[in-house]
């Protein structure tokens, strides 16, 4: 693949994952993601997240809404209870591939000085 093609792939990767980058750009949402990852497949309820993150219930709900819109978080309903968990998404793969291309280009630049 030519350098120009790699740069085009990077641009396309950025466009495809823009929602994720914006969602993860907030420290509180990062904290929520980490808490959800610690909880595993079962997920967590909003009340548990408020305890873990030290955020108010409305703040956690607002952040979860943004994470859901970015397709980073899914909801599982069990009766009247709602459990939130990190949702595997194709965009994570796109982010990884984009980062790998960037890393390769940076390495080439460093070698060529």
C-alpha atoms as a PDB file:
ATOM      1  CA  UNK A   1       0.000   0.000   0.000  1.00  0.00           C
ATOM      2  CA  UNK A   2       1.375   3.408  -0.938  1.00  0.00           C
ATOM      3  CA  UNK A   3       1.905   6.176   1.603  1.00  0.00           C
ATOM      4  CA  UNK A   4      -0.928   8.154  -0.013  1.00  0.00           C
ATOM      5  CA  UNK A   5      -3.285   5.179   0.335  1.00  0.00           C
ATOM      6  CA  UNK A   6      -2.280   4.801   3.992  1.00  0.00           C
ATOM      7  CA  UNK A   7      -3.006   8.480   4.619  1.00  0.00           C
ATOM      8  CA  UNK A   8      -6.421   8.075   2.976  1.00  0.00           C
ATOM      9  CA  UNK A   9      -7.128   5.089   5.242  1.00  0.00           C
ATOM     10  CA  UNK A  10      -6.197   7.179   8.280  1.00  0.00           C
ATOM     11  CA  UNK A  11      -8.566   9.959   7.194  1.00  0.00           C
ATOM     12  CA  UNK A  12     -11.374   7.456   6.602  1.00  0.00           C
ATOM     13  CA  UNK A  13     -10.693   5.819   9.972  1.00  0.00           C
ATOM     14  CA  UNK A  14     -10.936   9.175  11.721  1.00  0.00           C
ATOM     15  CA  UNK A  15     -14.250   9.939  10.037  1.00  0.00           C
ATOM     16  CA  UNK A  16     -15.695   6.509  10.883  1.00  0.00           C
ATOM     17  CA  UNK A  17     -14.670   6.696  14.547  1.00  0.00           C
ATOM     18  CA  UNK A  18     -15.266  10.379  15.230  1.00  0.00           C
ATOM     19  CA  UNK A  19     -18.219   9.670  17.550  1.00  0.00           C
ATOM     20  CA  UNK A  20     -16.087   7.331  19.653  1.00  0.00           C
ATOM     21  CA  UNK A  21     -13.226   9.810  19.936  1.00  0.00           C
ATOM     22  CA  UNK A  22     -15.639  12.562  20.982  1.00  0.00           C
ATOM     23  CA  UNK A  23     -17.366  10.304  23.502  1.00  0.00           C
ATOM     24  CA  UNK A  24     -14.088   9.110  25.007  1.00  0.00           C
ATOM     25  CA  UNK A  25     -12.666  12.627  25.134  1.00  0.00           C
ATOM     26  CA  UNK A  26     -14.371  13.268  28.468  1.00  0.00           C
ATOM     27  CA  UNK A  27     -12.675  12.068  31.664  1.00  0.00           C
ATOM     28  CA  UNK A  28     -15.996  11.167  33.309  1.00  0.00           C
ATOM     29  CA  UNK A  29     -17.022   8.975  30.376  1.00  0.00           C
ATOM     30  CA  UNK A  30     -13.611   7.327  30.459  1.00  0.00           C
ATOM     31  CA  UNK A  31     -14.228   6.562  34.131  1.00  0.00           C
ATOM     32  CA  UNK A  32     -17.636   5.075  33.315  1.00  0.00           C
ATOM     33  CA  UNK A  33     -16.116   2.865  30.600  1.00  0.00           C
ATOM     34  CA  UNK A  34     -13.432   1.615  33.011  1.00  0.00           C
ATOM     35  CA  UNK A  35     -16.074   0.861  35.658  1.00  0.00           C
ATOM     36  CA  UNK A  36     -18.181  -1.028  33.125  1.00  0.00           C
ATOM     37  CA  UNK A  37     -15.164  -3.018  31.965  1.00  0.00           C
ATOM     38  CA  UNK A  38     -14.414  -3.943  35.584  1.00  0.00           C
ATOM     39  CA  UNK A  39     -18.006  -5.150  35.965  1.00  0.00           C
ATOM     40  CA  UNK A  40     -17.661  -7.516  33.013  1.00  0.00           C
ATOM     41  CA  UNK A  41     -20.472  -9.005  30.958  1.00  0.00           C
ATOM     42  CA  UNK A  42     -23.130  -8.549  33.650  1.00  0.00           C
ATOM     43  CA  UNK A  43     -22.874  -4.787  33.429  1.00  0.00           C
ATOM     44  CA  UNK A  44     -23.818  -2.205  36.041  1.00  0.00           C
ATOM     45  CA  UNK A  45     -26.826  -0.182  37.029  1.00  0.00           C
ATOM     46  CA  UNK A  46     -26.779   3.615  37.172  1.00  0.00           C
ATOM     47  CA  UNK A  47     -26.748   3.566  40.985  1.00  0.00           C
ATOM     48  CA  UNK A  48     -23.630   1.419  41.017  1.00  0.00           C
ATOM     49  CA  UNK A  49     -21.974   3.729  38.511  1.00  0.00           C
ATOM     50  CA  UNK A  50     -22.735   6.776  40.653  1.00  0.00           C
ATOM     51  CA  UNK A  51     -20.961   5.099  43.569  1.00  0.00           C
ATOM     52  CA  UNK A  52     -17.980   4.045  41.447  1.00  0.00           C
ATOM     53  CA  UNK A  53     -17.526   7.365  39.643  1.00  0.00           C
ATOM     54  CA  UNK A  54     -18.666   9.782  42.385  1.00  0.00           C
ATOM     55  CA  UNK A  55     -20.936  11.494  39.862  1.00  0.00           C
ATOM     56  CA  UNK A  56     -24.572  12.411  40.372  1.00  0.00           C
ATOM     57  CA  UNK A  57     -27.271  10.141  38.964  1.00  0.00           C
ATOM     58  CA  UNK A  58     -28.304  12.711  36.304  1.00  0.00           C
ATOM     59  CA  UNK A  59     -24.659  13.193  35.283  1.00  0.00           C
ATOM     60  CA  UNK A  60     -24.123   9.427  34.883  1.00  0.00           C
ATOM     61  CA  UNK A  61     -27.336   9.174  32.854  1.00  0.00           C
ATOM     62  CA  UNK A  62     -26.236  12.030  30.580  1.00  0.00           C
ATOM     63  CA  UNK A  63     -22.820  10.449  30.036  1.00  0.00           C
ATOM     64  CA  UNK A  64     -24.382   7.031  29.364  1.00  0.00           C
ATOM     65  CA  UNK A  65     -26.615   8.608  26.732  1.00  0.00           C
ATOM     66  CA  UNK A  66     -23.557   9.934  24.883  1.00  0.00           C
ATOM     67  CA  UNK A  67     -21.788   6.577  25.180  1.00  0.00           C
ATOM     68  CA  UNK A  68     -24.897   4.778  23.868  1.00  0.00           C
ATOM     69  CA  UNK A  69     -25.143   7.165  20.908  1.00  0.00           C
ATOM     70  CA  UNK A  70     -21.497   6.390  20.086  1.00  0.00           C
ATOM     71  CA  UNK A  71     -22.431   2.696  20.271  1.00  0.00           C
ATOM     72  CA  UNK A  72     -19.913   2.091  23.056  1.00  0.00           C
ATOM     73  CA  UNK A  73     -22.450   0.999  25.656  1.00  0.00           C
ATOM     74  CA  UNK A  74     -25.402  -1.360  25.473  1.00  0.00           C
ATOM     75  CA  UNK A  75     -28.394  -1.776  27.791  1.00  0.00           C
ATOM     76  CA  UNK A  76     -29.777  -5.049  29.073  1.00  0.00           C
ATOM     77  CA  UNK A  77     -33.187  -4.936  30.720  1.00  0.00           C
ATOM     78  CA  UNK A  78     -34.060  -7.359  33.496  1.00  0.00           C
ATOM     79  CA  UNK A  79     -37.608  -6.557  34.558  1.00  0.00           C
ATOM     80  CA  UNK A  80     -37.511  -2.942  35.667  1.00  0.00           C
ATOM     81  CA  UNK A  81     -33.726  -2.928  36.092  1.00  0.00           C
ATOM     82  CA  UNK A  82     -31.365  -1.647  33.399  1.00  0.00           C
ATOM     83  CA  UNK A  83     -27.788  -2.915  33.176  1.00  0.00           C
ATOM     84  CA  UNK A  84     -25.169  -1.079  31.134  1.00  0.00           C
ATOM     85  CA  UNK A  85     -22.115  -2.769  29.621  1.00  0.00           C
ATOM     86  CA  UNK A  86     -19.391  -1.957  27.123  1.00  0.00           C
ATOM     87  CA  UNK A  87     -20.598  -2.996  23.703  1.00  0.00           C
ATOM     88  CA  UNK A  88     -18.119  -4.548  21.313  1.00  0.00           C
ATOM     89  CA  UNK A  89     -18.214  -2.594  18.090  1.00  0.00           C
ATOM     90  CA  UNK A  90     -16.581  -2.648  14.682  1.00  0.00           C
ATOM     91  CA  UNK A  91     -15.369   0.887  15.356  1.00  0.00           C
ATOM     92  CA  UNK A  92     -12.856  -0.447  17.902  1.00  0.00           C
ATOM     93  CA  UNK A  93     -11.339  -2.528  15.114  1.00  0.00           C
ATOM     94  CA  UNK A  94     -11.253   0.497  12.817  1.00  0.00           C
ATOM     95  CA  UNK A  95      -9.534   2.496  15.573  1.00  0.00           C
ATOM     96  CA  UNK A  96      -6.928  -0.250  16.023  1.00  0.00           C
ATOM     97  CA  UNK A  97      -6.204  -0.465  12.292  1.00  0.00           C
ATOM     98  CA  UNK A  98      -5.952   3.325  12.005  1.00  0.00           C
ATOM     99  CA  UNK A  99      -3.581   3.474  14.983  1.00  0.00           C
ATOM    100  CA  UNK A 100      -1.427   0.704  13.458  1.00  0.00           C
ATOM    101  CA  UNK A 101      -1.061   2.648  10.199  1.00  0.00           C
ATOM    102  CA  UNK A 102      -0.168   5.825  12.110  1.00  0.00           C
ATOM    103  CA  UNK A 103       2.396   3.921  14.177  1.00  0.00           C
ATOM    104  CA  UNK A 104       3.956   2.420  11.046  1.00  0.00           C
ATOM    105  CA  UNK A 105       4.220   5.847   9.375  1.00  0.00           C
ATOM    106  CA  UNK A 106       5.732   7.430  12.494  1.00  0.00           C
ATOM    107  CA  UNK A 107       8.289   4.610  12.695  1.00  0.00           C
ATOM    108  CA  UNK A 108       9.192   5.156   9.023  1.00  0.00           C
ATOM    109  CA  UNK A 109       9.570   8.895   9.599  1.00  0.00           C
ATOM    110  CA  UNK A 110      11.875   8.303  12.564  1.00  0.00           C
ATOM    111  CA  UNK A 111      14.021   5.853  10.582  1.00  0.00           C
ATOM    112  CA  UNK A 112      14.268   8.234   7.628  1.00  0.00           C
ATOM    113  CA  UNK A 113      15.002  11.140   9.960  1.00  0.00           C
END
